[in-house]
Amino acid sequence: MINAKTACVLARYKHWADERLFEGVAQLPPTEVVKPRQTLFRSIISTLNHNYLVDLIWKANLMQKRQGFTSHDTVLHSDLGKLRQAQQRENDWFVQWAERQTETTLAEVLAFSFVSGQQFAMSRGAMFMHIVNHSSYHRGWICEMFSEIPAKFPVSDLPFFFEMYPLLDA
């Protein structure tokens, strides 16, 4: 499904794309970051917190630890700077985790529980693809909120990552 090199590239891409997004959000007026909007997670800061929280949940699943969360929309950091630092730490962890993976470890199927309590099982590789895809999905939501301000949203598409880091595309 996914090989070790691809896991490393995706981890670095996620780190880069999340950082680009935080750079863009930091340039917005602070009132726009917390402003209530017609979106599932209610604001830019809440959507960023959702992405961070889901990363924590899936990290626990990858480590086969109980994640202990009961909601997907808990605001863990209301301060953008603290949230950014926390997200950077998680992304650093994902990069280091990916560097330790092999085809065998990525193919291993792990059992876990969703926040709802539903039991499920997936390979580590599939879990990690979900983590990267989930972050990309909600970065798109946040870029849509930039359009409502209106403000120019940061570009974080994979081709631009490869343009900056061409050796990773080899």
N, C-alpha and C. Protein backbone atom coordinates (compact mmCIF):
# COMPACT_ATOMS: atom_id res chain seq x y z
N MET A 1 0.82 -1.21 0.00
CA MET A 1 0.00 0.00 0.00
C MET A 1 0.86 1.26 0.00
N ILE A 2 1.75 1.39 0.96
CA ILE A 2 2.63 2.55 1.05
C ILE A 2 4.01 2.01 1.43
N ASN A 3 5.05 2.58 0.84
CA ASN A 3 6.39 2.11 1.19
C ASN A 3 7.07 3.12 2.12
N ALA A 4 8.22 2.72 2.64
CA ALA A 4 8.91 3.54 3.65
C ALA A 4 9.34 4.89 3.09
N LYS A 5 9.82 4.93 1.85
CA LYS A 5 10.24 6.20 1.27
C LYS A 5 9.05 7.15 1.13
N THR A 6 7.92 6.63 0.67
CA THR A 6 6.73 7.46 0.52
C THR A 6 6.27 7.99 1.87
N ALA A 7 6.33 7.16 2.90
CA ALA A 7 5.96 7.62 4.25
C ALA A 7 6.83 8.79 4.68
N CYS A 8 8.13 8.71 4.41
CA CYS A 8 9.05 9.81 4.76
C CYS A 8 8.71 11.08 4.00
N VAL A 9 8.45 10.94 2.70
CA VAL A 9 8.10 12.11 1.89
C VAL A 9 6.80 12.73 2.38
N LEU A 10 5.79 11.90 2.65
CA LEU A 10 4.51 12.43 3.12
C LEU A 10 4.63 13.10 4.48
N ALA A 11 5.46 12.56 5.36
CA ALA A 11 5.66 13.19 6.68
C ALA A 11 6.31 14.56 6.52
N ARG A 12 7.30 14.65 5.66
CA ARG A 12 7.97 15.95 5.43
C ARG A 12 7.02 16.93 4.75
N TYR A 13 6.23 16.42 3.80
CA TYR A 13 5.25 17.28 3.13
C TYR A 13 4.24 17.83 4.15
N LYS A 14 3.70 16.97 5.00
CA LYS A 14 2.73 17.42 5.99
C LYS A 14 3.32 18.50 6.89
N HIS A 15 4.55 18.29 7.32
CA HIS A 15 5.24 19.27 8.19
C HIS A 15 5.34 20.61 7.45
N TRP A 16 5.81 20.56 6.22
CA TRP A 16 5.98 21.77 5.40
C TRP A 16 4.65 22.47 5.17
N ALA A 17 3.63 21.72 4.77
CA ALA A 17 2.34 22.32 4.44
C ALA A 17 1.67 22.92 5.68
N ASP A 18 1.74 22.21 6.80
CA ASP A 18 1.17 22.76 8.03
C ASP A 18 1.89 24.05 8.44
N GLU A 19 3.20 24.06 8.30
CA GLU A 19 3.96 25.26 8.66
C GLU A 19 3.61 26.42 7.74
N ARG A 20 3.46 26.16 6.46
CA ARG A 20 3.03 27.22 5.53
C ARG A 20 1.69 27.79 5.96
N LEU A 21 0.77 26.91 6.34
CA LEU A 21 -0.54 27.37 6.77
C LEU A 21 -0.44 28.23 8.02
N PHE A 22 0.32 27.79 9.01
CA PHE A 22 0.48 28.58 10.23
C PHE A 22 1.13 29.93 9.93
N GLU A 23 2.10 29.96 9.01
CA GLU A 23 2.71 31.24 8.61
C GLU A 23 1.64 32.17 8.07
N GLY A 24 0.77 31.66 7.22
CA GLY A 24 -0.30 32.47 6.64
C GLY A 24 -1.30 32.94 7.68
N VAL A 25 -1.71 32.05 8.56
CA VAL A 25 -2.68 32.41 9.61
C VAL A 25 -2.09 33.46 10.54
N ALA A 26 -0.80 33.36 10.84
CA ALA A 26 -0.15 34.33 11.73
C ALA A 26 -0.16 35.74 11.15
N GLN A 27 -0.29 35.86 9.84
CA GLN A 27 -0.31 37.18 9.20
C GLN A 27 -1.71 37.80 9.19
N LEU A 28 -2.71 37.03 9.52
CA LEU A 28 -4.08 37.55 9.56
C LEU A 28 -4.29 38.40 10.80
N PRO A 29 -5.25 39.34 10.76
CA PRO A 29 -5.61 40.04 11.99
C PRO A 29 -6.10 39.01 13.02
N PRO A 30 -5.66 39.11 14.27
CA PRO A 30 -6.06 38.12 15.29
C PRO A 30 -7.57 37.91 15.40
N THR A 31 -8.33 38.97 15.15
CA THR A 31 -9.79 38.83 15.24
C THR A 31 -10.33 37.88 14.17
N GLU A 32 -9.67 37.81 13.02
CA GLU A 32 -10.11 36.91 11.95
C GLU A 32 -9.82 35.45 12.29
N VAL A 33 -8.79 35.22 13.08
CA VAL A 33 -8.40 33.84 13.44
C VAL A 33 -9.44 33.21 14.36
N VAL A 34 -10.07 34.01 15.21
CA VAL A 34 -11.05 33.49 16.17
C VAL A 34 -12.49 33.81 15.78
N LYS A 35 -12.68 34.54 14.72
CA LYS A 35 -14.02 34.97 14.30
C LYS A 35 -14.92 33.76 14.01
N PRO A 36 -16.13 33.76 14.59
CA PRO A 36 -17.07 32.67 14.29
C PRO A 36 -17.45 32.67 12.80
N ARG A 37 -17.49 31.48 12.22
CA ARG A 37 -17.80 31.32 10.80
C ARG A 37 -18.78 30.16 10.62
N GLN A 38 -19.39 30.13 9.45
CA GLN A 38 -20.31 29.05 9.11
C GLN A 38 -19.52 27.85 8.61
N THR A 39 -18.88 27.16 9.54
CA THR A 39 -18.09 25.98 9.22
C THR A 39 -18.18 25.03 10.41
N LEU A 40 -17.95 23.77 10.18
CA LEU A 40 -18.14 22.75 11.20
C LEU A 40 -17.42 23.05 12.51
N PHE A 41 -16.19 23.52 12.43
CA PHE A 41 -15.41 23.76 13.65
C PHE A 41 -15.41 25.22 14.08
N ARG A 42 -16.24 26.03 13.46
CA ARG A 42 -16.60 27.38 13.89
C ARG A 42 -15.60 28.49 13.65
N SER A 43 -14.32 28.21 13.50
CA SER A 43 -13.33 29.28 13.30
C SER A 43 -12.04 28.68 12.78
N ILE A 44 -11.14 29.56 12.37
CA ILE A 44 -9.82 29.10 11.92
C ILE A 44 -9.08 28.43 13.06
N ILE A 45 -9.04 29.06 14.24
CA ILE A 45 -8.29 28.49 15.36
C ILE A 45 -8.88 27.15 15.79
N SER A 46 -10.19 27.02 15.76
CA SER A 46 -10.81 25.75 16.14
C SER A 46 -10.53 24.66 15.12
N THR A 47 -10.48 25.02 13.84
CA THR A 47 -10.16 24.03 12.80
C THR A 47 -8.71 23.59 12.91
N LEU A 48 -7.80 24.53 13.20
CA LEU A 48 -6.40 24.16 13.44
C LEU A 48 -6.28 23.24 14.65
N ASN A 49 -7.04 23.53 15.70
CA ASN A 49 -7.05 22.66 16.88
C ASN A 49 -7.59 21.28 16.54
N HIS A 50 -8.60 21.21 15.69
CA HIS A 50 -9.14 19.92 15.26
C HIS A 50 -8.05 19.10 14.57
N ASN A 51 -7.33 19.71 13.65
CA ASN A 51 -6.25 18.99 12.97
C ASN A 51 -5.22 18.48 13.97
N TYR A 52 -4.84 19.33 14.90
CA TYR A 52 -3.86 18.95 15.92
C TYR A 52 -4.38 17.80 16.78
N LEU A 53 -5.61 17.91 17.24
CA LEU A 53 -6.22 16.88 18.07
C LEU A 53 -6.28 15.54 17.33
N VAL A 54 -6.68 15.57 16.08
CA VAL A 54 -6.76 14.33 15.30
C VAL A 54 -5.37 13.74 15.11
N ASP A 55 -4.36 14.58 14.93
CA ASP A 55 -2.98 14.06 14.88
C ASP A 55 -2.62 13.33 16.18
N LEU A 56 -3.01 13.90 17.32
CA LEU A 56 -2.73 13.25 18.61
C LEU A 56 -3.45 11.90 18.71
N ILE A 57 -4.69 11.87 18.25
CA ILE A 57 -5.48 10.63 18.29
C ILE A 57 -4.81 9.55 17.45
N TRP A 58 -4.44 9.89 16.21
CA TRP A 58 -3.86 8.89 15.32
C TRP A 58 -2.43 8.53 15.73
N LYS A 59 -1.71 9.47 16.32
CA LYS A 59 -0.39 9.13 16.86
C LYS A 59 -0.54 8.05 17.93
N ALA A 60 -1.52 8.22 18.82
CA ALA A 60 -1.77 7.21 19.84
C ALA A 60 -2.12 5.87 19.20
N ASN A 61 -2.93 5.90 18.15
CA ASN A 61 -3.27 4.65 17.45
C ASN A 61 -2.03 3.99 16.87
N LEU A 62 -1.16 4.78 16.25
CA LEU A 62 0.08 4.23 15.69
C LEU A 62 0.95 3.60 16.77
N MET A 63 0.92 4.19 17.95
CA MET A 63 1.74 3.70 19.06
C MET A 63 1.03 2.61 19.87
N GLN A 64 -0.21 2.30 19.45
CA GLN A 64 -1.05 1.32 20.14
C GLN A 64 -1.27 1.70 21.60
N LYS A 65 -1.54 2.99 21.80
CA LYS A 65 -1.86 3.52 23.12
C LYS A 65 -3.30 4.03 23.12
N ARG A 66 -3.89 4.05 24.27
CA ARG A 66 -5.25 4.58 24.40
C ARG A 66 -5.17 6.09 24.23
N GLN A 67 -6.00 6.64 23.33
CA GLN A 67 -5.91 8.08 23.06
C GLN A 67 -6.74 8.90 24.03
N GLY A 68 -7.81 8.39 24.59
CA GLY A 68 -8.51 9.05 25.68
C GLY A 68 -9.36 10.26 25.34
N PHE A 69 -9.46 10.64 24.09
CA PHE A 69 -10.29 11.80 23.73
C PHE A 69 -11.73 11.35 23.51
N THR A 70 -12.67 12.24 23.80
CA THR A 70 -14.09 11.93 23.63
C THR A 70 -14.75 12.83 22.59
N SER A 71 -13.98 13.71 21.98
CA SER A 71 -14.52 14.66 21.01
C SER A 71 -13.44 15.01 20.00
N HIS A 72 -13.89 15.38 18.80
CA HIS A 72 -12.97 15.83 17.75
C HIS A 72 -12.79 17.34 17.73
N ASP A 73 -13.55 18.05 18.55
CA ASP A 73 -13.52 19.52 18.43
C ASP A 73 -13.12 20.23 19.71
N THR A 74 -12.35 19.58 20.54
CA THR A 74 -11.82 20.22 21.75
C THR A 74 -10.73 21.20 21.37
N VAL A 75 -10.79 22.41 21.90
CA VAL A 75 -9.74 23.40 21.67
C VAL A 75 -8.68 23.19 22.74
N LEU A 76 -7.55 22.66 22.33
CA LEU A 76 -6.45 22.38 23.27
C LEU A 76 -5.55 23.59 23.47
N HIS A 77 -5.48 24.46 22.45
CA HIS A 77 -4.65 25.67 22.52
C HIS A 77 -5.42 26.82 21.88
N SER A 78 -5.83 27.79 22.69
CA SER A 78 -6.52 28.95 22.13
C SER A 78 -5.53 30.00 21.62
N ASP A 79 -4.27 29.89 22.02
CA ASP A 79 -3.22 30.80 21.56
C ASP A 79 -2.58 30.23 20.29
N LEU A 80 -2.59 31.00 19.21
CA LEU A 80 -2.07 30.53 17.93
C LEU A 80 -0.61 30.13 18.02
N GLY A 81 0.21 30.91 18.71
CA GLY A 81 1.63 30.60 18.82
C GLY A 81 1.88 29.28 19.53
N LYS A 82 1.14 29.03 20.61
CA LYS A 82 1.30 27.77 21.34
C LYS A 82 0.79 26.59 20.52
N LEU A 83 -0.30 26.80 19.80
CA LEU A 83 -0.82 25.74 18.93
C LEU A 83 0.18 25.43 17.82
N ARG A 84 0.77 26.45 17.26
CA ARG A 84 1.76 26.26 16.20
C ARG A 84 2.95 25.44 16.71
N GLN A 85 3.44 25.78 17.89
CA GLN A 85 4.56 25.02 18.48
C GLN A 85 4.17 23.57 18.74
N ALA A 86 2.97 23.37 19.24
CA ALA A 86 2.50 22.00 19.52
C ALA A 86 2.38 21.21 18.22
N GLN A 87 1.85 21.84 17.17
CA GLN A 87 1.72 21.15 15.88
C GLN A 87 3.10 20.84 15.30
N GLN A 88 4.04 21.76 15.45
CA GLN A 88 5.41 21.50 14.97
C GLN A 88 6.01 20.29 15.68
N ARG A 89 5.79 20.18 16.98
CA ARG A 89 6.30 19.01 17.74
C ARG A 89 5.70 17.72 17.21
N GLU A 90 4.40 17.74 16.95
CA GLU A 90 3.76 16.52 16.42
C GLU A 90 4.29 16.19 15.03
N ASN A 91 4.45 17.21 14.20
CA ASN A 91 4.97 16.96 12.86
C ASN A 91 6.41 16.46 12.91
N ASP A 92 7.21 16.99 13.84
CA ASP A 92 8.56 16.46 14.04
C ASP A 92 8.49 14.97 14.39
N TRP A 93 7.55 14.64 15.27
CA TRP A 93 7.40 13.24 15.68
C TRP A 93 7.04 12.37 14.47
N PHE A 94 6.10 12.84 13.64
CA PHE A 94 5.70 12.05 12.46
C PHE A 94 6.88 11.85 11.51
N VAL A 95 7.71 12.88 11.32
CA VAL A 95 8.89 12.73 10.45
C VAL A 95 9.82 11.68 11.03
N GLN A 96 10.11 11.77 12.32
CA GLN A 96 11.00 10.78 12.96
C GLN A 96 10.38 9.38 12.92
N TRP A 97 9.08 9.30 13.14
CA TRP A 97 8.39 8.01 13.07
C TRP A 97 8.53 7.41 11.68
N ALA A 98 8.27 8.22 10.66
CA ALA A 98 8.34 7.72 9.28
C ALA A 98 9.74 7.22 8.93
N GLU A 99 10.75 7.90 9.43
CA GLU A 99 12.13 7.50 9.14
C GLU A 99 12.47 6.13 9.73
N ARG A 100 11.74 5.70 10.74
CA ARG A 100 11.99 4.39 11.37
C ARG A 100 11.18 3.25 10.73
N GLN A 101 10.29 3.58 9.80
CA GLN A 101 9.40 2.56 9.26
C GLN A 101 10.05 1.74 8.16
N THR A 102 9.56 0.52 8.03
CA THR A 102 9.94 -0.38 6.94
C THR A 102 8.65 -0.82 6.26
N GLU A 103 8.78 -1.51 5.14
CA GLU A 103 7.59 -2.02 4.48
C GLU A 103 6.83 -2.97 5.42
N THR A 104 7.58 -3.72 6.22
CA THR A 104 6.95 -4.66 7.16
C THR A 104 6.17 -3.93 8.24
N THR A 105 6.76 -2.91 8.86
CA THR A 105 6.05 -2.19 9.93
C THR A 105 4.86 -1.42 9.37
N LEU A 106 4.98 -0.90 8.17
CA LEU A 106 3.87 -0.15 7.57
C LEU A 106 2.71 -1.07 7.20
N ALA A 107 3.00 -2.33 6.90
CA ALA A 107 1.96 -3.29 6.52
C ALA A 107 1.26 -3.91 7.74
N GLU A 108 1.84 -3.76 8.92
CA GLU A 108 1.26 -4.37 10.11
C GLU A 108 -0.11 -3.77 10.41
N VAL A 109 -1.09 -4.62 10.62
CA VAL A 109 -2.46 -4.19 10.92
C VAL A 109 -2.60 -4.04 12.43
N LEU A 110 -3.12 -2.88 12.84
CA LEU A 110 -3.29 -2.55 14.25
C LEU A 110 -4.77 -2.34 14.56
N ALA A 111 -5.20 -2.84 15.70
CA ALA A 111 -6.56 -2.61 16.17
C ALA A 111 -6.57 -1.33 17.01
N PHE A 112 -7.67 -0.59 16.94
CA PHE A 112 -7.80 0.65 17.71
C PHE A 112 -9.27 0.98 17.85
N SER A 113 -9.56 1.99 18.64
CA SER A 113 -10.93 2.48 18.82
C SER A 113 -11.02 3.91 18.32
N PHE A 114 -12.08 4.21 17.59
CA PHE A 114 -12.37 5.59 17.23
C PHE A 114 -12.83 6.34 18.48
N VAL A 115 -12.90 7.65 18.41
CA VAL A 115 -13.38 8.47 19.52
C VAL A 115 -14.78 8.01 19.93
N SER A 116 -15.58 7.57 18.97
CA SER A 116 -16.94 7.09 19.25
C SER A 116 -16.96 5.79 20.03
N GLY A 117 -15.81 5.10 20.09
CA GLY A 117 -15.74 3.80 20.74
C GLY A 117 -15.78 2.64 19.76
N GLN A 118 -16.13 2.92 18.51
CA GLN A 118 -16.17 1.86 17.49
C GLN A 118 -14.79 1.26 17.30
N GLN A 119 -14.74 -0.07 17.29
CA GLN A 119 -13.49 -0.79 17.09
C GLN A 119 -13.18 -0.87 15.60
N PHE A 120 -11.89 -0.81 15.26
CA PHE A 120 -11.49 -0.84 13.86
C PHE A 120 -10.07 -1.39 13.79
N ALA A 121 -9.63 -1.72 12.59
CA ALA A 121 -8.25 -2.15 12.37
C ALA A 121 -7.79 -1.65 11.01
N MET A 122 -6.56 -1.20 10.95
CA MET A 122 -5.95 -0.71 9.71
C MET A 122 -4.45 -0.97 9.79
N SER A 123 -3.82 -0.98 8.62
CA SER A 123 -2.36 -1.06 8.62
C SER A 123 -1.78 0.29 9.06
N ARG A 124 -0.56 0.25 9.57
CA ARG A 124 0.12 1.50 9.94
C ARG A 124 0.21 2.43 8.73
N GLY A 125 0.52 1.87 7.57
CA GLY A 125 0.63 2.69 6.37
C GLY A 125 -0.68 3.37 6.02
N ALA A 126 -1.79 2.64 6.11
CA ALA A 126 -3.11 3.23 5.83
C ALA A 126 -3.44 4.30 6.85
N MET A 127 -3.10 4.05 8.12
CA MET A 127 -3.32 5.06 9.16
C MET A 127 -2.56 6.34 8.81
N PHE A 128 -1.30 6.18 8.42
CA PHE A 128 -0.50 7.37 8.14
C PHE A 128 -1.02 8.11 6.91
N MET A 129 -1.46 7.37 5.89
CA MET A 129 -2.05 8.05 4.73
C MET A 129 -3.28 8.84 5.16
N HIS A 130 -4.07 8.28 6.08
CA HIS A 130 -5.24 9.01 6.58
C HIS A 130 -4.82 10.29 7.30
N ILE A 131 -3.79 10.21 8.12
CA ILE A 131 -3.31 11.38 8.86
C ILE A 131 -2.95 12.51 7.89
N VAL A 132 -2.17 12.18 6.86
CA VAL A 132 -1.73 13.19 5.89
C VAL A 132 -2.93 13.72 5.11
N ASN A 133 -3.81 12.82 4.67
CA ASN A 133 -4.98 13.23 3.90
C ASN A 133 -5.91 14.10 4.74
N HIS A 134 -6.13 13.73 5.99
CA HIS A 134 -7.00 14.50 6.88
C HIS A 134 -6.48 15.93 7.04
N SER A 135 -5.19 16.07 7.27
CA SER A 135 -4.61 17.42 7.42
C SER A 135 -4.79 18.24 6.15
N SER A 136 -4.58 17.61 5.00
CA SER A 136 -4.74 18.31 3.73
C SER A 136 -6.18 18.77 3.55
N TYR A 137 -7.11 17.91 3.89
CA TYR A 137 -8.53 18.22 3.75
C TYR A 137 -8.89 19.47 4.55
N HIS A 138 -8.47 19.52 5.79
CA HIS A 138 -8.84 20.67 6.63
C HIS A 138 -7.99 21.90 6.36
N ARG A 139 -6.79 21.74 5.81
CA ARG A 139 -6.07 22.93 5.33
C ARG A 139 -6.89 23.60 4.24
N GLY A 140 -7.54 22.80 3.42
CA GLY A 140 -8.42 23.35 2.38
C GLY A 140 -9.58 24.13 2.98
N TRP A 141 -10.16 23.63 4.05
CA TRP A 141 -11.23 24.36 4.73
C TRP A 141 -10.73 25.72 5.20
N ILE A 142 -9.54 25.73 5.77
CA ILE A 142 -8.99 26.98 6.29
C ILE A 142 -8.70 27.94 5.15
N CYS A 143 -8.21 27.44 4.04
CA CYS A 143 -7.98 28.31 2.87
C CYS A 143 -9.29 28.91 2.39
N GLU A 144 -10.38 28.17 2.47
CA GLU A 144 -11.69 28.71 2.13
C GLU A 144 -12.04 29.87 3.07
N MET A 145 -11.70 29.75 4.34
CA MET A 145 -11.96 30.83 5.30
C MET A 145 -11.11 32.05 4.97
N PHE A 146 -9.89 31.85 4.46
CA PHE A 146 -9.07 32.97 3.99
C PHE A 146 -9.83 33.74 2.91
N SER A 147 -10.48 33.02 2.01
CA SER A 147 -11.21 33.66 0.92
C SER A 147 -12.35 34.51 1.43
N GLU A 148 -12.96 34.12 2.55
CA GLU A 148 -14.06 34.88 3.13
C GLU A 148 -13.59 36.19 3.75
N ILE A 149 -12.32 36.31 4.11
CA ILE A 149 -11.84 37.48 4.86
C ILE A 149 -11.91 38.77 4.02
N PRO A 150 -11.47 38.97 2.86
CA PRO A 150 -10.66 38.13 1.98
C PRO A 150 -9.17 38.33 2.26
N ALA A 151 -8.43 37.25 2.12
CA ALA A 151 -6.97 37.28 2.26
C ALA A 151 -6.39 36.19 1.37
N LYS A 152 -5.16 36.42 0.95
CA LYS A 152 -4.49 35.43 0.11
C LYS A 152 -4.07 34.25 0.99
N PHE A 153 -4.50 33.06 0.60
CA PHE A 153 -4.16 31.88 1.39
C PHE A 153 -2.82 31.31 0.94
N PRO A 154 -2.11 30.65 1.84
CA PRO A 154 -0.81 30.08 1.49
C PRO A 154 -0.97 28.85 0.60
N VAL A 155 -0.10 28.74 -0.37
CA VAL A 155 -0.12 27.58 -1.27
C VAL A 155 0.62 26.44 -0.59
N SER A 156 -0.03 25.29 -0.52
CA SER A 156 0.60 24.14 0.13
C SER A 156 0.40 22.85 -0.67
N ASP A 157 0.21 23.00 -1.97
CA ASP A 157 0.01 21.82 -2.82
C ASP A 157 1.31 21.03 -2.97
N LEU A 158 1.17 19.73 -3.10
CA LEU A 158 2.32 18.83 -3.18
C LEU A 158 3.30 19.20 -4.29
N PRO A 159 2.86 19.62 -5.49
CA PRO A 159 3.85 20.00 -6.51
C PRO A 159 4.78 21.13 -6.07
N PHE A 160 4.27 22.06 -5.26
CA PHE A 160 5.11 23.17 -4.79
C PHE A 160 6.11 22.69 -3.74
N PHE A 161 5.73 21.68 -2.97
CA PHE A 161 6.67 21.05 -2.05
C PHE A 161 7.81 20.41 -2.84
N PHE A 162 7.47 19.67 -3.89
CA PHE A 162 8.51 19.02 -4.70
C PHE A 162 9.36 20.04 -5.44
N GLU A 163 8.79 21.19 -5.77
CA GLU A 163 9.57 22.25 -6.40
C GLU A 163 10.65 22.75 -5.43
N MET A 164 10.31 22.84 -4.15
CA MET A 164 11.27 23.31 -3.15
C MET A 164 12.25 22.21 -2.73
N TYR A 165 11.80 20.96 -2.79
CA TYR A 165 12.62 19.82 -2.35
C TYR A 165 12.65 18.76 -3.46
N PRO A 166 13.28 19.06 -4.60
CA PRO A 166 13.22 18.14 -5.75
C PRO A 166 13.83 16.77 -5.50
N LEU A 167 14.79 16.66 -4.61
CA LEU A 167 15.41 15.35 -4.37
C LEU A 167 14.43 14.36 -3.75
N LEU A 168 13.41 14.86 -3.08
CA LEU A 168 12.42 13.97 -2.48
C LEU A 168 11.49 13.38 -3.53
N ASP A 169 11.47 13.98 -4.72
CA ASP A 169 10.62 13.50 -5.81
C ASP A 169 11.36 12.50 -6.69
N ALA A 170 12.62 12.23 -6.38
CA ALA A 170 13.43 11.34 -7.22
C ALA A 170 13.12 9.88 -6.96
